[in-house]
Protein backbone atom coordinates (compact mmCIF):
# COMPACT_ATOMS: atom_id res chain seq x y z
CA MET A 1 108.24 117.64 115.90
CA ILE A 2 108.08 115.73 112.64
CA ARG A 3 105.63 113.72 110.68
CA TYR A 4 106.74 110.19 110.03
CA LYS A 5 108.55 109.44 106.83
CA LEU A 6 106.12 108.82 103.94
CA LEU A 7 106.13 107.15 100.78
CA GLN A 8 106.80 106.57 97.26
CA PHE A 9 103.83 105.95 95.04
CA SER A 10 104.41 102.87 92.89
CA PHE A 11 103.45 104.62 89.75
CA ILE A 12 104.81 108.17 89.76
CA LEU A 13 103.40 109.63 92.99
CA PHE A 14 106.13 110.55 95.51
CA THR A 15 105.03 112.05 98.83
CA GLY A 16 106.33 113.04 102.22
CA VAL A 17 104.20 112.59 105.27
CA ALA A 18 101.27 114.94 106.10
CA SER A 19 101.48 118.08 108.12
CA VAL A 20 98.44 120.23 108.08
CA TRP A 21 95.51 120.84 110.23
CA ALA A 22 92.81 119.19 112.33
CA GLN A 23 90.52 119.57 115.26
CA PRO A 24 91.52 116.92 117.83
CA ASN A 25 87.98 116.44 119.43
CA THR A 26 87.33 113.08 117.56
CA ARG A 27 89.31 109.86 117.78
CA GLY A 28 89.54 107.32 114.94
CA SER A 29 87.44 104.62 116.85
CA GLY A 30 84.40 106.87 116.79
CA PRO A 31 82.27 108.47 114.00
CA PRO A 32 84.31 111.19 112.14
CA ASN A 33 83.71 114.80 113.10
CA VAL A 34 82.39 116.54 110.09
CA VAL A 35 82.49 120.34 109.53
CA SER A 36 80.77 121.56 106.36
CA SER A 37 80.43 125.04 104.95
CA THR A 38 78.79 126.45 101.89
CA PRO A 39 80.00 129.94 100.71
CA GLN A 40 77.20 132.24 100.01
CA ASP A 41 78.60 134.62 97.40
CA THR A 42 79.52 133.66 93.98
CA SER A 43 82.38 134.16 91.57
CA LEU A 44 83.40 133.67 88.01
CA PHE A 45 84.90 130.29 88.73
CA SER A 46 82.33 128.90 91.21
CA SER A 47 79.02 130.29 89.95
CA ASN A 48 77.19 128.06 87.50
CA ARG A 49 80.34 127.11 85.56
CA TYR A 50 82.13 125.06 88.21
CA VAL A 51 81.43 123.00 91.35
CA ASN A 52 84.29 123.59 93.84
CA ARG A 53 84.49 121.02 96.73
CA ALA A 54 87.38 120.31 99.11
CA LEU A 55 87.72 117.27 101.41
CA ILE A 56 90.13 117.81 104.35
CA ILE A 57 91.20 114.81 106.28
CA ALA A 58 93.09 115.77 109.29
CA ASN A 59 94.58 113.04 111.60
CA ASN A 60 96.56 114.37 114.51
CA ASP A 61 96.31 111.76 117.15
CA TYR A 62 97.51 108.17 116.92
CA PRO A 63 96.89 106.39 120.16
CA LYS A 64 98.95 103.30 119.23
CA MET A 65 102.10 105.18 118.39
CA ASN A 66 104.76 106.23 121.01
CA GLY A 67 106.64 109.44 121.77
CA SER A 68 106.58 112.35 119.43
CA LYS A 69 104.78 110.28 116.77
CA ARG A 70 101.51 110.14 118.65
CA LYS A 71 100.40 113.88 118.49
CA LEU A 72 100.84 116.17 115.58
CA PRO A 73 100.19 119.69 117.00
CA GLY A 74 100.97 121.38 113.68
CA VAL A 75 97.91 119.73 112.13
CA GLU A 76 95.69 121.42 114.78
CA GLN A 77 97.37 124.74 114.43
CA ASP A 78 97.07 124.86 110.67
CA VAL A 79 93.53 123.81 110.04
CA PRO A 80 91.71 127.09 110.97
CA ALA A 81 93.70 129.24 108.58
CA LEU A 82 93.60 126.76 105.79
CA LYS A 83 89.85 126.08 106.10
CA ALA A 84 89.27 129.87 106.12
CA PHE A 85 91.33 130.33 103.07
CA PHE A 86 89.43 127.63 101.09
CA GLU A 87 86.07 129.19 102.00
CA LYS A 88 87.25 132.55 100.85
CA GLN A 89 88.23 130.88 97.60
CA LYS A 90 84.54 129.84 97.21
CA PHE A 91 85.02 126.10 98.07
CA GLN A 92 82.39 123.99 99.73
CA VAL A 93 84.64 122.45 102.49
CA LYS A 94 84.10 119.21 104.36
CA VAL A 95 86.52 118.47 107.21
CA LEU A 96 86.98 114.95 108.61
CA ASN A 97 89.15 114.54 111.77
CA ASN A 98 90.98 111.40 113.01
CA LEU A 99 89.83 108.68 110.58
CA THR A 100 90.75 105.15 110.91
CA GLY A 101 92.23 103.31 107.94
CA SER A 102 88.84 101.87 106.79
CA GLU A 103 87.18 105.22 107.20
CA LEU A 104 89.90 106.96 105.30
CA ASN A 105 89.35 104.49 102.46
CA ASP A 106 85.67 104.83 102.48
CA GLU A 107 85.52 108.64 102.75
CA ILE A 108 87.89 109.22 99.83
CA GLY A 109 85.96 106.87 97.63
CA ASN A 110 82.59 108.38 98.67
CA PHE A 111 83.83 111.88 97.96
CA LEU A 112 84.99 110.94 94.50
CA VAL A 113 81.77 109.10 93.67
CA GLU A 114 79.48 111.77 95.11
CA ASN A 115 81.22 114.41 92.97
CA ASP A 116 81.77 112.48 89.71
CA VAL A 117 79.92 115.35 87.93
CA GLU A 118 80.72 117.56 84.94
CA ASN A 119 82.80 120.72 85.75
CA ALA A 120 83.61 119.58 89.26
CA ARG A 121 86.88 120.82 90.75
CA LEU A 122 87.87 118.50 93.58
CA LEU A 123 90.55 118.85 96.19
CA ILE A 124 91.57 116.09 98.65
CA TRP A 125 93.95 117.07 101.31
CA PHE A 126 95.34 114.45 103.69
CA ALA A 127 97.11 115.54 106.86
CA GLY A 128 98.56 112.86 109.03
CA HIS A 129 101.17 110.09 109.12
CA GLY A 130 102.29 108.16 106.11
CA HIS A 131 104.74 105.28 105.57
CA THR A 132 106.59 103.38 103.02
CA LEU A 133 106.88 99.59 102.76
CA GLU A 134 109.34 97.85 100.53
CA GLU A 135 107.88 94.61 99.15
CA VAL A 136 109.12 92.37 96.41
CA GLY A 137 111.58 95.06 95.41
CA ARG A 138 108.99 97.79 95.14
CA LYS A 139 108.30 100.75 97.46
CA MET A 140 104.60 101.08 98.23
CA GLY A 141 103.24 104.20 99.85
CA TYR A 142 100.48 104.21 102.49
CA LEU A 143 98.42 106.94 104.29
CA VAL A 144 97.97 105.81 107.90
CA GLY A 145 94.73 105.85 109.79
CA VAL A 146 94.60 106.77 113.54
CA ASP A 147 94.20 103.00 114.41
CA GLY A 148 97.63 102.25 112.87
CA ASP A 149 101.25 102.18 113.98
CA ILE A 150 104.52 102.27 112.14
CA PRO A 151 105.57 98.54 111.85
CA ASP A 152 108.88 96.71 111.98
CA GLN A 153 109.26 95.51 108.33
CA LYS A 154 110.58 92.30 109.56
CA ASN A 155 107.55 91.62 111.69
CA THR A 156 104.97 89.97 109.49
CA GLU A 157 102.16 90.23 111.94
CA ALA A 158 102.90 93.97 112.60
CA VAL A 159 102.98 94.58 108.80
CA ARG A 160 99.62 92.85 108.37
CA ALA A 161 98.07 94.92 111.08
CA PHE A 162 99.50 98.05 109.66
CA LYS A 163 97.90 97.42 106.24
CA LYS A 164 94.51 96.92 107.85
CA ALA A 165 94.86 100.44 109.21
CA ALA A 166 96.24 102.24 106.12
CA VAL A 167 95.28 102.98 102.58
CA GLU A 168 97.72 102.16 99.73
CA LEU A 169 98.37 105.04 97.34
CA SER A 170 97.91 102.84 94.33
CA ALA A 171 94.38 102.19 95.43
CA ILE A 172 93.76 106.04 95.80
CA GLN A 173 95.02 106.55 92.31
CA ASN A 174 92.58 103.84 91.00
CA LYS A 175 89.76 105.52 92.73
CA THR A 176 90.79 108.89 91.22
CA LEU A 177 90.99 107.51 87.63
CA THR A 178 87.60 106.00 87.90
CA ASN A 179 86.14 109.49 88.42
CA ARG A 180 86.00 110.32 84.67
CA ASN A 181 83.41 113.22 84.73
CA ALA A 182 85.07 115.66 87.26
CA LEU A 183 87.06 118.45 85.48
CA HIS A 184 90.04 118.67 87.89
CA VAL A 185 91.02 116.44 90.82
CA LEU A 186 94.01 117.37 92.96
CA PHE A 187 95.46 115.40 95.88
CA VAL A 188 97.66 117.27 98.42
CA PHE A 189 99.71 115.16 100.79
CA ASP A 190 101.28 116.82 103.72
CA SER A 191 101.80 120.52 104.15
CA CYS A 192 100.79 122.11 100.85
CA PHE A 193 97.31 122.67 99.45
CA SER A 194 95.71 123.52 96.25
CA GLY A 195 92.47 123.81 94.34
CA LEU A 196 90.72 126.41 92.20
CA ALA A 197 90.90 129.90 93.62
CA ALA A 198 88.09 132.13 92.67
CA ARG A 199 86.83 135.59 93.32
CA GLY A 200 83.69 137.26 92.04
CA THR A 201 84.31 139.20 88.82
CA GLU A 202 82.77 139.79 85.56
CA ASN A 203 85.94 139.79 83.62
CA SER A 204 86.68 136.71 81.29
CA GLU A 205 89.91 134.77 81.48
CA PRO A 206 92.55 135.06 78.85
CA SER A 207 92.38 132.43 76.14
CA TYR A 208 95.29 130.44 77.37
CA ILE A 209 93.72 130.28 80.86
CA GLN A 210 90.49 129.15 79.47
CA ALA A 211 92.36 126.38 77.68
CA LYS A 212 93.76 125.18 80.97
CA LEU A 213 90.46 125.44 82.67
CA SER A 214 88.59 123.45 79.92
CA GLY A 215 90.91 120.42 80.00
CA ARG A 216 90.73 117.64 82.62
CA ALA A 217 93.51 117.21 85.07
CA ARG A 218 94.57 114.75 87.84
CA GLN A 219 97.43 116.19 89.71
CA TYR A 220 99.31 116.05 93.07
CA ILE A 221 101.64 118.06 95.28
CA THR A 222 103.51 116.49 98.20
CA ALA A 223 105.78 118.02 100.91
CA GLY A 224 108.85 116.00 100.22
CA ASN A 225 110.35 112.85 98.76
CA ASP A 226 110.15 109.31 100.14
CA LYS A 227 113.46 109.71 101.93
CA GLN A 228 112.67 112.76 103.92
CA LEU A 229 111.10 113.61 107.24
CA VAL A 230 108.69 116.39 107.04
CA ASN A 231 108.36 119.21 109.58
CA ASP A 232 105.12 119.20 111.59
CA GLN A 233 105.35 123.04 111.71
CA SER A 234 105.23 123.08 107.90
CA PRO A 235 106.52 126.08 105.73
CA LEU A 236 104.42 125.11 102.98
CA ARG A 237 101.08 126.65 104.34
CA THR A 238 102.81 130.07 104.53
CA PHE A 239 104.33 129.88 101.03
CA PHE A 240 101.10 128.61 99.51
CA ILE A 241 98.95 131.45 100.94
CA LYS A 242 101.64 134.03 99.87
CA ALA A 243 101.70 132.43 96.36
CA ILE A 244 97.95 133.06 95.87
CA GLN A 245 96.96 136.06 98.06
CA GLU A 246 100.00 138.15 97.06
CA GLY A 247 100.66 136.61 93.63
CA ALA A 248 104.15 135.52 94.44
CA ALA A 249 103.86 132.56 92.13
CA ASP A 250 102.24 134.53 89.40
CA THR A 251 105.28 134.62 87.08
CA ASN A 252 103.61 134.22 83.76
CA LEU A 253 103.19 137.86 82.49
CA ARG A 254 101.79 138.83 85.98
CA ASP A 255 98.40 138.11 84.53
CA GLY A 256 96.51 137.57 87.78
CA TYR A 257 96.35 133.77 87.67
CA VAL A 258 98.57 131.17 89.32
CA THR A 259 98.61 127.82 87.38
CA PHE A 260 99.34 124.36 88.91
CA SER A 261 102.73 124.54 87.17
CA GLU A 262 103.62 127.99 88.63
CA LEU A 263 102.47 127.09 92.07
CA SER A 264 104.27 123.79 92.22
CA GLY A 265 107.50 125.43 90.93
CA TYR A 266 107.26 128.26 93.45
CA LEU A 267 106.67 125.84 96.33
CA GLU A 268 109.48 123.65 95.23
CA THR A 269 111.94 126.45 95.07
CA LYS A 270 110.88 128.30 98.29
CA VAL A 271 110.44 125.25 100.62
CA SER A 272 113.71 123.77 99.45
CA GLN A 273 115.68 127.00 99.90
CA LEU A 274 114.29 127.53 103.48
CA THR A 275 114.54 124.08 104.73
CA HIS A 276 118.05 123.41 103.42
CA ASP A 277 119.28 126.58 105.18
CA PRO A 278 121.00 125.20 108.39
CA SER A 279 119.92 128.33 110.29
CA SER A 280 116.26 127.49 109.83
CA GLY A 281 116.44 124.55 112.14
CA LEU A 282 114.20 122.58 109.89
CA TYR A 283 114.45 119.16 108.32
CA PRO A 284 115.17 119.44 104.56
CA GLN A 285 112.19 119.08 102.30
CA ASP A 286 112.03 118.87 98.55
CA PRO A 287 108.38 119.04 97.40
CA GLN A 288 107.41 116.63 94.58
CA TRP A 289 104.59 117.24 92.10
CA GLY A 290 103.15 115.87 88.91
CA ASP A 291 100.25 114.20 87.02
CA PHE A 292 98.57 110.83 87.24
CA LEU A 293 99.45 108.51 84.36
CA ASP A 294 96.35 108.94 82.22
CA GLN A 295 96.74 110.94 78.96
CA ASN A 296 93.06 111.47 78.65
CA LEU A 297 92.95 113.19 82.09
CA ASN A 298 96.06 115.43 81.69
CA ASN A 299 94.85 118.01 79.26
CA GLY A 300 94.07 120.80 81.73
CA ASP A 301 95.51 122.58 84.80
CA PHE A 302 94.39 123.69 88.15
CA VAL A 303 94.29 127.60 88.08
CA PHE A 304 94.01 129.96 91.01
CA LYS A 305 93.10 133.52 90.74
CA VAL A 306 95.30 135.98 92.65
CA GLU A 307 93.36 137.57 95.46
CA ASN A 308 95.11 141.04 95.56
CA TYR A 309 95.90 141.25 91.87
CA VAL A 310 96.67 144.65 90.49
CA PRO A 311 96.90 144.71 86.71
CA LEU A 312 100.09 145.81 85.14
CA PRO A 313 99.83 149.10 83.07
CA SER A 314 99.53 148.94 79.35
CA VAL A 315 98.72 145.26 79.16
CA PRO A 316 97.90 144.39 75.50
CA VAL A 317 94.53 143.02 74.88
CA LEU A 318 94.66 139.40 73.68
CA THR A 319 92.93 138.88 70.25
CA GLU A 320 91.10 135.71 69.46
CA ARG A 321 93.60 133.33 68.14
CA THR A 322 93.77 129.51 68.11
CA CYS A 323 97.54 129.67 68.73
CA GLU A 324 99.86 131.95 70.68
CA SER A 325 103.58 132.05 70.06
CA PRO A 326 105.72 130.86 72.95
CA VAL A 327 107.45 133.45 75.31
CA ILE A 328 110.00 132.34 77.94
CA ASN A 329 109.67 134.75 80.84
CA MET A 330 112.09 133.50 83.45
CA LEU A 331 114.44 130.65 84.13
CA SER A 332 114.57 129.09 87.67
CA LEU A 333 117.91 127.70 88.58
CA PRO A 334 119.70 126.81 91.89
CA ASN A 335 122.27 129.38 93.09
CA VAL A 336 125.09 126.88 93.00
CA ILE A 337 125.44 123.95 90.60
CA LYS A 338 127.89 121.24 91.62
CA VAL A 339 129.47 118.69 89.44
CA LYS A 340 127.80 115.19 89.36
CA LYS A 341 124.78 116.37 91.31
CA GLU A 342 121.31 116.37 89.71
CA VAL A 343 119.69 119.87 89.55
CA THR A 344 116.21 120.98 88.77
CA MET A 345 115.47 123.59 86.11
CA ARG A 346 112.35 125.24 85.16
CA ALA A 347 111.34 127.81 82.50
CA ASP A 348 108.24 129.97 83.10
CA PHE A 349 106.49 130.76 79.84
CA GLY A 350 103.45 131.90 77.89
CA GLY A 351 102.03 130.56 74.73
CA THR A 352 100.14 127.60 73.41
CA ASN A 353 101.60 124.22 74.44
CA PRO A 354 105.19 124.79 73.25
CA GLN A 355 107.74 122.06 73.06
CA PHE A 356 111.05 122.77 74.88
CA GLU A 357 114.56 122.10 73.72
CA TRP A 358 117.24 122.16 76.54
CA HIS A 359 120.77 122.77 75.31
CA PHE A 360 122.99 122.32 78.31
CA GLY A 361 126.34 122.70 76.58
CA ASP A 362 127.80 119.39 77.63
CA GLU A 363 125.79 116.83 75.56
CA ALA A 364 122.99 116.51 73.06
CA PRO A 365 119.90 118.52 73.72
CA LYS A 366 116.98 117.15 75.47
CA ILE A 367 113.41 117.52 74.30
CA GLY A 368 110.54 117.81 76.78
CA SER A 369 108.57 120.14 78.86
CA ASN A 370 109.42 123.39 80.71
CA PHE A 371 110.58 121.34 83.65
CA ILE A 372 113.66 119.17 83.60
CA ARG A 373 116.46 117.58 85.68
CA HIS A 374 120.14 117.42 84.53
CA THR A 375 123.45 116.35 85.90
CA TYR A 376 126.73 118.03 84.85
CA THR A 377 129.72 115.60 84.85
CA LYS A 378 132.47 118.10 84.60
CA PRO A 379 133.05 121.52 86.25
CA GLY A 380 133.32 124.61 84.11
CA GLN A 381 131.47 127.54 82.62
CA TYR A 382 128.47 126.58 80.41
CA THR A 383 125.93 128.36 78.43
CA LEU A 384 122.27 126.90 78.92
CA ARG A 385 120.11 127.64 75.94
CA ILE A 386 116.37 126.94 75.88
CA VAL A 387 114.25 126.91 72.81
CA ALA A 388 110.43 126.97 73.07
CA LYS A 389 108.57 126.12 69.89
CA ASN A 390 105.04 125.65 68.60
CA GLU A 391 103.29 125.99 65.27
CA CYS A 392 103.15 129.85 65.75
CA GLY A 393 106.71 130.50 66.36
CA GLU A 394 109.55 130.16 68.87
CA ASP A 395 111.45 131.94 71.61
CA GLN A 396 114.89 131.43 73.04
CA TYR A 397 116.52 132.00 76.34
CA SER A 398 120.21 131.76 77.37
CA SER A 399 121.89 131.86 80.64
CA PRO A 400 125.46 131.29 81.81
CA ILE A 401 125.94 128.46 84.29
CA GLN A 402 128.96 127.98 86.52
CA VAL A 403 129.43 124.32 87.57
CA GLN A 404 131.72 123.90 90.54
CA ASN A 405 133.73 120.97 92.01
CA VAL A 406 132.46 119.38 95.10
CA CYS A 407 135.79 120.52 96.77
CA THR A 408 135.34 124.29 97.44
CA GLY A 409 136.61 126.83 100.02
CA LEU A 410 139.79 127.96 101.46
CA TYR A 411 141.13 124.40 102.50
CA CYS A 412 140.68 123.15 98.87
CA GLY A 413 142.17 126.30 97.33
CA VAL A 414 145.30 126.18 99.46
CA GLY A 415 145.66 122.55 98.84
CA LYS A 416 145.61 122.86 95.09
CA TRP A 417 148.10 125.88 95.27
CA MET A 418 150.49 123.85 97.25
CA ILE A 419 150.38 120.91 94.76
CA ARG A 420 150.98 123.12 91.91
CA THR A 421 153.87 124.90 93.54
CA LEU A 422 155.66 121.74 94.66
CA VAL A 423 155.25 119.99 91.33
CA GLY A 424 156.20 123.00 89.23
CA SER A 425 159.30 124.01 91.12
CA GLY A 426 160.40 120.43 91.58
CA ALA A 427 160.29 119.80 87.81
CA ALA A 428 162.22 123.05 87.05
CA PHE A 429 164.95 122.19 89.61
CA ALA A 430 165.29 118.68 88.20
CA ALA A 431 165.74 120.10 84.70
CA CYS A 432 168.49 122.64 85.66
CA ARG A 433 170.40 120.14 87.80
CA GLY A 434 170.52 117.74 84.78
CA ALA A 435 171.97 120.61 82.72
CA GLY A 436 174.45 121.42 85.44
CA ARG A 437 173.22 124.97 85.69
CA CYS A 438 171.62 125.10 89.18
CA GLY A 439 173.13 127.68 91.38
CA ALA A 440 172.53 130.78 93.53
CA ASN A 441 172.32 132.96 90.34
CA SER A 442 170.55 130.53 88.09
CA GLY A 443 167.20 131.92 88.61
CA VAL A 444 165.73 128.58 89.50
CA ALA A 445 164.66 127.99 93.11
CA ARG A 446 164.89 124.78 94.93
CA PRO A 447 161.53 123.17 95.84
CA PRO A 448 160.11 124.53 99.01
CA VAL A 449 161.15 122.56 102.04
CA PRO A 450 158.40 121.72 104.69
CA PRO A 451 159.06 123.22 108.15
CA GLY A 452 161.18 121.11 110.39
CA ASN A 453 163.16 119.40 107.67
């Protein structure tokens, strides 16, 4: 079963449809079923310093929809594991099941207003159907309440009814940006989830983690892009828990922390690899992620603490410095790069806010962050060189890249060989014939003759 295709946010927010968790005992026409929990023990992140609160909206029953779109069993199956995981991470969790469009709009707004306080770390997770409408040349994304149905775009009345039962993503962004006091706000649409993971410990964080924690952030992760159908039995839940509990996404010096950048890159890579494998039987998904467009709210990062972290031996003690030289630890690339196809590249790094130069070997370098997309226009062997710089120093990383033609495999190889053979031998035969030296002992063979001629 799949969730219905969701949406492209009119600013920068791209999202697939939701696929998480819910308890189906409440329908959208009645009051929402609320499950609240308050963890008793404290931790470094949650005690005194931060207020960790999560709102889970799980819509799994759409009475007005037909066929496989009505029920989303993956939502119901995922919610117990996810709710338990958040509680273990010291979140106060509120679960709302099967909300109508108006309830969805009100509850998101109320959650942001009630928690508009200093040092609040807020997570809003929506699980359910989403849809994209194209109006006046723009794609507008919507989260669908349980009183809604997916409309025929050409049916004006159906579109009008749909909008009454849905919430436009631009409205959600506006609500988010009016919450100015909370430290971090993260929206998760579909089958991945995030927040501030914390465990009780008396150790202080490294300075670069403290810098990420102290700045404000408004971020999002989605299950796929606006052109994809997202699997109801979502792989993102498995990869997310693995990323935090086992530290699979802890690529930066294995420091025991998973930042938003590390997590989103890990999910993007793992989910794409799995779902694009034909043997998986899954619909292809390419997770999207990013920040809301407000520079004043993009100075920090969500940070998770690895649950089962074992420190590496001989880890140097970080001295108090206002700046740390950049270190490029690893480069994430697809296994195969094909010509004229956009690829995603990411460099995992340490250091204080470095600027990245990407030298692809085929054009002028690009300046930007540790995440970039690029398209090679010609096949061949290239050397990708990355330079990370800040006021304290720089680091470089190089990697060979093989860019292949779209035509690959035995068929293409044999075809090219036959063309070269025919053209080469034909030219040689024509030359010797013109000189009157073609014969049995001339050393020049006639062009190969196809069978039957």
